[in-house]
Amino acid sequence: MQKPNLKILILAIIVVLAITGGIFWWQKDNINKLIFGESPKACTQEAKLCPDGSYVGRTGPNCEFAACPQDQTAGWQTYRNEEYGFEVKYPKEWKFQEYKDTNEIIKFIDIDPVRVYSEKEMSERELPFPLVNINFEEKEDPATPLSYEDRIKQYSSWSDIILKSGEKAKKKDEIIEYSPNPYYSNKHNIVYRIGNYNYSDWHKNVFIRYVSDREDKYLDIFDQILSTFKFIE
């Protein structure tokens, strides 16, 4: 019987080992991908400004910008006040009413999901507060002016915050157990004072008030309304 050529045998063993090793590493790489996924790609630390004022970064295997949050206020009504220089949005189906004094100057604005009252109704009797009320810091009485320090003290217990629009504000959040106005008792009351912190033009400050039963059914929508507030040039 003819003996096999030793060189051919060694070459065959090498080829078999090479093929076996290649198959092993191929299977190992695919199993890792199957279990752990593709090796993560390092994305650049960039940020994209979204219409609602938030930011999103790059993500995923292609390092694309994440989708911006859906604009929940798209299609809302926009209220613009040129005298006080601001605008704010509110749900399209909600009720809206401006109230003016005898000189046709706007005193306050009511916004509510159910109803608002006419100026005549407001003058005749005490009525429930709307869900959202916007009013303005009254001009100072020259006979009893407040000092700078006194004005600071008025809001010393209020929290300092920054709205999504970037506006600085003071915030008061409280539960009112009792009020002379029966419609105001046992209510959740949140007030934001937005405006000039130097007090040089303090009567241009805007107050946005939220008044609700403790169930706070519309609190999320109020937060969305507040997020649309901004001063205009």
C-alpha atoms as a PDB file:
ATOM      1  CA  MET A   1       0.000   0.000   0.000  1.00  0.00           C
ATOM      2  CA  GLN A   2       1.348   3.425  -1.023  1.00  0.00           C
ATOM      3  CA  LYS A   3       2.076   5.760   1.866  1.00  0.00           C
ATOM      4  CA  PRO A   4       0.424   9.258   1.678  1.00  0.00           C
ATOM      5  CA  ASN A   5       2.752  12.114   0.802  1.00  0.00           C
ATOM      6  CA  LEU A   6       3.685  13.825   4.101  1.00  0.00           C
ATOM      7  CA  LYS A   7       3.706  17.314   2.577  1.00  0.00           C
ATOM      8  CA  ILE A   8       0.251  16.863   1.137  1.00  0.00           C
ATOM      9  CA  LEU A   9      -1.038  15.605   4.473  1.00  0.00           C
ATOM     10  CA  ILE A  10       0.393  18.580   6.369  1.00  0.00           C
ATOM     11  CA  LEU A  11      -1.016  20.997   3.787  1.00  0.00           C
ATOM     12  CA  ALA A  12      -4.454  19.394   4.063  1.00  0.00           C
ATOM     13  CA  ILE A  13      -4.362  19.675   7.870  1.00  0.00           C
ATOM     14  CA  ILE A  14      -3.430  23.378   7.611  1.00  0.00           C
ATOM     15  CA  VAL A  15      -6.275  24.056   5.158  1.00  0.00           C
ATOM     16  CA  VAL A  16      -8.793  22.254   7.406  1.00  0.00           C
ATOM     17  CA  LEU A  17      -7.603  24.191  10.468  1.00  0.00           C
ATOM     18  CA  ALA A  18      -7.794  27.493   8.589  1.00  0.00           C
ATOM     19  CA  ILE A  19     -11.322  26.801   7.382  1.00  0.00           C
ATOM     20  CA  THR A  20     -12.422  25.632  10.855  1.00  0.00           C
ATOM     21  CA  GLY A  21     -10.906  28.720  12.494  1.00  0.00           C
ATOM     22  CA  GLY A  22     -12.560  31.041   9.981  1.00  0.00           C
ATOM     23  CA  ILE A  23     -15.956  29.454  10.553  1.00  0.00           C
ATOM     24  CA  PHE A  24     -15.479  29.712  14.325  1.00  0.00           C
ATOM     25  CA  TRP A  25     -14.643  33.425  14.252  1.00  0.00           C
ATOM     26  CA  TRP A  26     -17.447  34.166  11.781  1.00  0.00           C
ATOM     27  CA  GLN A  27     -19.992  32.434  14.016  1.00  0.00           C
ATOM     28  CA  LYS A  28     -18.630  34.153  17.122  1.00  0.00           C
ATOM     29  CA  ASP A  29     -18.890  37.622  15.504  1.00  0.00           C
ATOM     30  CA  ASN A  30     -22.452  36.996  14.298  1.00  0.00           C
ATOM     31  CA  ILE A  31     -23.563  35.583  17.646  1.00  0.00           C
ATOM     32  CA  ASN A  32     -22.210  38.705  19.402  1.00  0.00           C
ATOM     33  CA  LYS A  33     -24.051  40.943  16.954  1.00  0.00           C
ATOM     34  CA  LEU A  34     -27.231  38.940  17.450  1.00  0.00           C
ATOM     35  CA  ILE A  35     -27.011  39.172  21.251  1.00  0.00           C
ATOM     36  CA  PHE A  36     -25.445  42.584  21.782  1.00  0.00           C
ATOM     37  CA  GLY A  37     -26.175  44.320  18.515  1.00  0.00           C
ATOM     38  CA  GLU A  38     -23.758  46.358  16.450  1.00  0.00           C
ATOM     39  CA  SER A  39     -20.877  47.953  18.278  1.00  0.00           C
ATOM     40  CA  PRO A  40     -22.048  51.434  19.354  1.00  0.00           C
ATOM     41  CA  LYS A  41     -20.805  54.331  17.266  1.00  0.00           C
ATOM     42  CA  ALA A  42     -19.636  57.397  19.162  1.00  0.00           C
ATOM     43  CA  CYS A  43     -21.831  60.357  18.163  1.00  0.00           C
ATOM     44  CA  THR A  44     -20.723  63.972  18.344  1.00  0.00           C
ATOM     45  CA  GLN A  45     -22.077  65.961  21.277  1.00  0.00           C
ATOM     46  CA  GLU A  46     -24.233  68.325  19.218  1.00  0.00           C
ATOM     47  CA  ALA A  47     -27.686  69.590  20.174  1.00  0.00           C
ATOM     48  CA  LYS A  48     -30.620  70.668  18.033  1.00  0.00           C
ATOM     49  CA  LEU A  49     -33.033  73.366  19.251  1.00  0.00           C
ATOM     50  CA  CYS A  50     -36.675  72.288  18.908  1.00  0.00           C
ATOM     51  CA  PRO A  51     -39.626  74.673  18.367  1.00  0.00           C
ATOM     52  CA  ASP A  52     -40.812  74.163  21.967  1.00  0.00           C
ATOM     53  CA  GLY A  53     -37.455  75.346  23.347  1.00  0.00           C
ATOM     54  CA  SER A  54     -36.133  71.885  24.244  1.00  0.00           C
ATOM     55  CA  TYR A  55     -33.000  70.280  22.801  1.00  0.00           C
ATOM     56  CA  VAL A  56     -32.319  66.844  21.292  1.00  0.00           C
ATOM     57  CA  GLY A  57     -28.986  65.142  20.585  1.00  0.00           C
ATOM     58  CA  ARG A  58     -27.663  62.694  18.023  1.00  0.00           C
ATOM     59  CA  THR A  59     -28.450  59.018  18.554  1.00  0.00           C
ATOM     60  CA  GLY A  60     -28.715  55.625  16.851  1.00  0.00           C
ATOM     61  CA  PRO A  61     -26.305  53.791  14.518  1.00  0.00           C
ATOM     62  CA  ASN A  62     -26.301  56.692  12.035  1.00  0.00           C
ATOM     63  CA  CYS A  63     -25.957  59.405  14.715  1.00  0.00           C
ATOM     64  CA  GLU A  64     -29.051  61.235  13.492  1.00  0.00           C
ATOM     65  CA  PHE A  65     -30.799  63.859  15.616  1.00  0.00           C
ATOM     66  CA  ALA A  66     -33.624  62.427  17.711  1.00  0.00           C
ATOM     67  CA  ALA A  67     -37.109  63.622  16.789  1.00  0.00           C
ATOM     68  CA  CYS A  68     -38.309  66.794  18.497  1.00  0.00           C
ATOM     69  CA  PRO A  69     -41.246  66.424  20.899  1.00  0.00           C
ATOM     70  CA  GLN A  70     -44.579  66.802  19.157  1.00  0.00           C
ATOM     71  CA  ASP A  71     -45.936  70.354  19.409  1.00  0.00           C
ATOM     72  CA  GLN A  72     -49.036  69.952  21.562  1.00  0.00           C
ATOM     73  CA  THR A  73     -50.023  73.592  20.943  1.00  0.00           C
ATOM     74  CA  ALA A  74     -50.208  73.372  17.149  1.00  0.00           C
ATOM     75  CA  GLY A  75     -53.522  74.809  16.009  1.00  0.00           C
ATOM     76  CA  TRP A  76     -54.123  76.761  19.226  1.00  0.00           C
ATOM     77  CA  GLN A  77     -55.349  80.362  19.284  1.00  0.00           C
ATOM     78  CA  THR A  78     -52.733  83.068  19.888  1.00  0.00           C
ATOM     79  CA  TYR A  79     -53.513  86.073  22.078  1.00  0.00           C
ATOM     80  CA  ARG A  80     -51.216  89.051  21.446  1.00  0.00           C
ATOM     81  CA  ASN A  81     -51.172  92.124  23.683  1.00  0.00           C
ATOM     82  CA  GLU A  82     -49.303  95.082  22.198  1.00  0.00           C
ATOM     83  CA  GLU A  83     -49.748  97.329  25.256  1.00  0.00           C
ATOM     84  CA  TYR A  84     -47.955  94.951  27.613  1.00  0.00           C
ATOM     85  CA  GLY A  85     -45.839  93.426  24.871  1.00  0.00           C
ATOM     86  CA  PHE A  86     -46.504  89.684  25.110  1.00  0.00           C
ATOM     87  CA  GLU A  87     -48.299  86.800  23.476  1.00  0.00           C
ATOM     88  CA  VAL A  88     -49.615  83.470  24.708  1.00  0.00           C
ATOM     89  CA  LYS A  89     -51.488  80.530  23.194  1.00  0.00           C
ATOM     90  CA  TYR A  90     -54.564  78.693  24.457  1.00  0.00           C
ATOM     91  CA  PRO A  91     -56.651  75.737  23.153  1.00  0.00           C
ATOM     92  CA  LYS A  92     -58.775  76.613  20.159  1.00  0.00           C
ATOM     93  CA  GLU A  93     -62.037  75.412  21.709  1.00  0.00           C
ATOM     94  CA  TRP A  94     -61.566  77.240  25.035  1.00  0.00           C
ATOM     95  CA  LYS A  95     -63.480  80.408  25.928  1.00  0.00           C
ATOM     96  CA  PHE A  96     -61.732  83.783  26.045  1.00  0.00           C
ATOM     97  CA  GLN A  97     -62.744  87.216  27.345  1.00  0.00           C
ATOM     98  CA  GLU A  98     -60.985  90.579  27.780  1.00  0.00           C
ATOM     99  CA  TYR A  99     -62.156  92.978  30.476  1.00  0.00           C
ATOM    100  CA  LYS A 100     -61.517  96.728  30.110  1.00  0.00           C
ATOM    101  CA  ASP A 101     -61.923  99.759  32.346  1.00  0.00           C
ATOM    102  CA  THR A 102     -63.822 102.940  31.441  1.00  0.00           C
ATOM    103  CA  ASN A 103     -60.797 104.178  29.494  1.00  0.00           C
ATOM    104  CA  GLU A 104     -60.815 101.043  27.352  1.00  0.00           C
ATOM    105  CA  ILE A 105     -57.593  99.835  28.948  1.00  0.00           C
ATOM    106  CA  ILE A 106     -57.396  96.061  29.416  1.00  0.00           C
ATOM    107  CA  LYS A 107     -57.550  95.168  33.118  1.00  0.00           C
ATOM    108  CA  PHE A 108     -57.436  91.378  32.879  1.00  0.00           C
ATOM    109  CA  ILE A 109     -58.160  88.389  30.647  1.00  0.00           C
ATOM    110  CA  ASP A 110     -60.026  85.176  31.448  1.00  0.00           C
ATOM    111  CA  ILE A 111     -59.521  81.845  29.677  1.00  0.00           C
ATOM    112  CA  ASP A 112     -61.584  78.781  30.570  1.00  0.00           C
ATOM    113  CA  PRO A 113     -62.474  75.423  28.980  1.00  0.00           C
ATOM    114  CA  VAL A 114     -66.182  75.762  29.850  1.00  0.00           C
ATOM    115  CA  ARG A 115     -67.281  79.412  30.011  1.00  0.00           C
ATOM    116  CA  VAL A 116     -66.279  82.994  30.731  1.00  0.00           C
ATOM    117  CA  TYR A 117     -68.545  85.807  31.886  1.00  0.00           C
ATOM    118  CA  SER A 118     -69.389  89.077  30.221  1.00  0.00           C
ATOM    119  CA  GLU A 119     -68.196  92.377  31.677  1.00  0.00           C
ATOM    120  CA  LYS A 120     -71.768  93.129  32.723  1.00  0.00           C
ATOM    121  CA  GLU A 121     -72.064  89.826  34.620  1.00  0.00           C
ATOM    122  CA  MET A 122     -68.733  90.438  36.310  1.00  0.00           C
ATOM    123  CA  SER A 123     -69.849  93.863  37.524  1.00  0.00           C
ATOM    124  CA  GLU A 124     -73.167  92.647  38.931  1.00  0.00           C
ATOM    125  CA  ARG A 125     -72.171  89.760  41.197  1.00  0.00           C
ATOM    126  CA  GLU A 126     -69.394  87.554  42.506  1.00  0.00           C
ATOM    127  CA  LEU A 127     -68.603  84.755  40.086  1.00  0.00           C
ATOM    128  CA  PRO A 128     -66.351  81.688  39.939  1.00  0.00           C
ATOM    129  CA  PHE A 129     -62.756  82.246  38.937  1.00  0.00           C
ATOM    130  CA  PRO A 130     -61.781  81.064  35.466  1.00  0.00           C
ATOM    131  CA  LEU A 131     -59.233  78.302  35.119  1.00  0.00           C
ATOM    132  CA  VAL A 132     -56.687  80.791  33.742  1.00  0.00           C
ATOM    133  CA  ASN A 133     -56.554  84.502  34.498  1.00  0.00           C
ATOM    134  CA  ILE A 134     -54.034  86.984  33.110  1.00  0.00           C
ATOM    135  CA  ASN A 135     -53.720  90.360  34.806  1.00  0.00           C
ATOM    136  CA  PHE A 136     -51.225  93.137  35.230  1.00  0.00           C
ATOM    137  CA  GLU A 137     -49.458  94.814  38.118  1.00  0.00           C
ATOM    138  CA  GLU A 138     -51.340  98.024  38.724  1.00  0.00           C
ATOM    139  CA  LYS A 139     -49.601 101.351  38.504  1.00  0.00           C
ATOM    140  CA  GLU A 140     -48.480 102.727  41.803  1.00  0.00           C
ATOM    141  CA  ASP A 141     -50.619 105.182  43.716  1.00  0.00           C
ATOM    142  CA  PRO A 142     -48.511 108.381  43.962  1.00  0.00           C
ATOM    143  CA  ALA A 143     -50.023 109.074  47.388  1.00  0.00           C
ATOM    144  CA  THR A 144     -48.748 105.796  48.880  1.00  0.00           C
ATOM    145  CA  PRO A 145     -45.718 104.729  46.850  1.00  0.00           C
ATOM    146  CA  LEU A 146     -43.910 101.511  47.751  1.00  0.00           C
ATOM    147  CA  SER A 147     -40.160 101.520  48.148  1.00  0.00           C
ATOM    148  CA  TYR A 148     -37.907  99.196  46.156  1.00  0.00           C
ATOM    149  CA  GLU A 149     -37.364  97.114  49.320  1.00  0.00           C
ATOM    150  CA  ASP A 150     -41.121  96.808  49.944  1.00  0.00           C
ATOM    151  CA  ARG A 151     -41.697  95.542  46.420  1.00  0.00           C
ATOM    152  CA  ILE A 152     -38.930  92.968  46.834  1.00  0.00           C
ATOM    153  CA  LYS A 153     -40.533  91.755  50.084  1.00  0.00           C
ATOM    154  CA  GLN A 154     -43.880  91.208  48.334  1.00  0.00           C
ATOM    155  CA  TYR A 155     -42.381  88.309  46.387  1.00  0.00           C
ATOM    156  CA  SER A 156     -39.617  87.132  48.724  1.00  0.00           C
ATOM    157  CA  SER A 157     -41.406  83.832  49.453  1.00  0.00           C
ATOM    158  CA  TRP A 158     -42.077  83.096  45.775  1.00  0.00           C
ATOM    159  CA  SER A 159     -39.844  80.660  43.867  1.00  0.00           C
ATOM    160  CA  ASP A 160     -37.522  81.853  41.109  1.00  0.00           C
ATOM    161  CA  ILE A 161     -37.988  79.894  37.890  1.00  0.00           C
ATOM    162  CA  ILE A 162     -37.308  80.183  34.164  1.00  0.00           C
ATOM    163  CA  LEU A 163     -40.092  79.383  31.708  1.00  0.00           C
ATOM    164  CA  LYS A 164     -39.535  77.204  28.636  1.00  0.00           C
ATOM    165  CA  SER A 165     -39.536  80.395  26.584  1.00  0.00           C
ATOM    166  CA  GLY A 166     -36.544  81.592  28.613  1.00  0.00           C
ATOM    167  CA  GLU A 167     -38.487  84.275  30.501  1.00  0.00           C
ATOM    168  CA  LYS A 168     -37.679  84.731  34.178  1.00  0.00           C
ATOM    169  CA  ALA A 169     -40.594  84.418  36.581  1.00  0.00           C
ATOM    170  CA  LYS A 170     -41.646  84.204  40.207  1.00  0.00           C
ATOM    171  CA  LYS A 171     -43.980  81.376  41.208  1.00  0.00           C
ATOM    172  CA  LYS A 172     -46.416  80.919  44.088  1.00  0.00           C
ATOM    173  CA  ASP A 173     -48.118  77.522  44.532  1.00  0.00           C
ATOM    174  CA  GLU A 174     -50.681  77.066  47.303  1.00  0.00           C
ATOM    175  CA  ILE A 175     -53.884  75.359  48.381  1.00  0.00           C
ATOM    176  CA  ILE A 176     -56.482  77.877  49.542  1.00  0.00           C
ATOM    177  CA  GLU A 177     -58.641  76.321  52.235  1.00  0.00           C
ATOM    178  CA  TYR A 178     -60.877  79.330  52.742  1.00  0.00           C
ATOM    179  CA  SER A 179     -61.502  82.621  51.000  1.00  0.00           C
ATOM    180  CA  PRO A 180     -64.098  85.425  51.410  1.00  0.00           C
ATOM    181  CA  ASN A 181     -65.060  84.542  47.862  1.00  0.00           C
ATOM    182  CA  PRO A 182     -66.763  81.121  48.261  1.00  0.00           C
ATOM    183  CA  TYR A 183     -65.823  80.179  44.702  1.00  0.00           C
ATOM    184  CA  TYR A 184     -62.156  80.562  45.643  1.00  0.00           C
ATOM    185  CA  SER A 185     -62.186  78.279  48.708  1.00  0.00           C
ATOM    186  CA  ASN A 186     -60.594  74.813  48.691  1.00  0.00           C
ATOM    187  CA  LYS A 187     -58.765  75.512  45.457  1.00  0.00           C
ATOM    188  CA  HIS A 188     -55.315  74.914  44.040  1.00  0.00           C
ATOM    189  CA  ASN A 189     -53.890  78.328  43.202  1.00  0.00           C
ATOM    190  CA  ILE A 190     -50.721  78.837  41.135  1.00  0.00           C
ATOM    191  CA  VAL A 191     -49.511  82.319  40.197  1.00  0.00           C
ATOM    192  CA  TYR A 192     -46.628  83.260  37.923  1.00  0.00           C
ATOM    193  CA  ARG A 193     -45.302  86.808  37.934  1.00  0.00           C
ATOM    194  CA  ILE A 194     -43.419  87.392  34.688  1.00  0.00           C
ATOM    195  CA  GLY A 195     -41.636  90.611  33.859  1.00  0.00           C
ATOM    196  CA  ASN A 196     -39.086  93.200  34.853  1.00  0.00           C
ATOM    197  CA  TYR A 197     -36.877  92.215  37.776  1.00  0.00           C
ATOM    198  CA  ASN A 198     -35.278  95.644  38.025  1.00  0.00           C
ATOM    199  CA  TYR A 199     -38.619  97.219  38.954  1.00  0.00           C
ATOM    200  CA  SER A 200     -37.853 100.254  36.807  1.00  0.00           C
ATOM    201  CA  ASP A 201     -40.943  99.488  34.740  1.00  0.00           C
ATOM    202  CA  TRP A 202     -42.703  97.160  37.162  1.00  0.00           C
ATOM    203  CA  HIS A 203     -46.242  98.022  36.072  1.00  0.00           C
ATOM    204  CA  LYS A 204     -45.563  96.080  32.871  1.00  0.00           C
ATOM    205  CA  ASN A 205     -45.311  92.818  34.813  1.00  0.00           C
ATOM    206  CA  VAL A 206     -47.748  90.087  33.784  1.00  0.00           C
ATOM    207  CA  PHE A 207     -49.455  87.683  36.182  1.00  0.00           C
ATOM    208  CA  ILE A 208     -50.797  84.344  34.993  1.00  0.00           C
ATOM    209  CA  ARG A 209     -53.018  82.595  37.526  1.00  0.00           C
ATOM    210  CA  TYR A 210     -54.318  79.027  37.571  1.00  0.00           C
ATOM    211  CA  VAL A 211     -57.283  78.239  39.828  1.00  0.00           C
ATOM    212  CA  SER A 212     -58.631  74.696  39.953  1.00  0.00           C
ATOM    213  CA  ASP A 213     -60.268  72.088  42.116  1.00  0.00           C
ATOM    214  CA  ARG A 214     -57.737  69.805  43.752  1.00  0.00           C
ATOM    215  CA  GLU A 215     -58.195  67.151  41.092  1.00  0.00           C
ATOM    216  CA  ASP A 216     -56.147  69.400  38.760  1.00  0.00           C
ATOM    217  CA  LYS A 217     -57.811  68.055  35.651  1.00  0.00           C
ATOM    218  CA  TYR A 218     -56.310  70.767  33.437  1.00  0.00           C
ATOM    219  CA  LEU A 219     -52.923  71.269  35.084  1.00  0.00           C
ATOM    220  CA  ASP A 220     -50.967  69.729  32.176  1.00  0.00           C
ATOM    221  CA  ILE A 221     -52.780  71.976  29.688  1.00  0.00           C
ATOM    222  CA  PHE A 222     -52.080  75.001  31.882  1.00  0.00           C
ATOM    223  CA  ASP A 223     -48.377  74.102  31.810  1.00  0.00           C
ATOM    224  CA  GLN A 224     -48.575  73.979  28.004  1.00  0.00           C
ATOM    225  CA  ILE A 225     -50.276  77.398  27.944  1.00  0.00           C
ATOM    226  CA  LEU A 226     -47.545  78.789  30.174  1.00  0.00           C
ATOM    227  CA  SER A 227     -44.838  77.312  27.912  1.00  0.00           C
ATOM    228  CA  THR A 228     -46.120  79.449  25.009  1.00  0.00           C
ATOM    229  CA  PHE A 229     -45.871  82.760  26.895  1.00  0.00           C
ATOM    230  CA  LYS A 230     -43.238  85.129  25.535  1.00  0.00           C
ATOM    231  CA  PHE A 231     -42.536  88.843  25.419  1.00  0.00           C
ATOM    232  CA  ILE A 232     -42.510  90.449  21.981  1.00  0.00           C
ATOM    233  CA  GLU A 233     -40.385  93.266  20.650  1.00  0.00           C
END
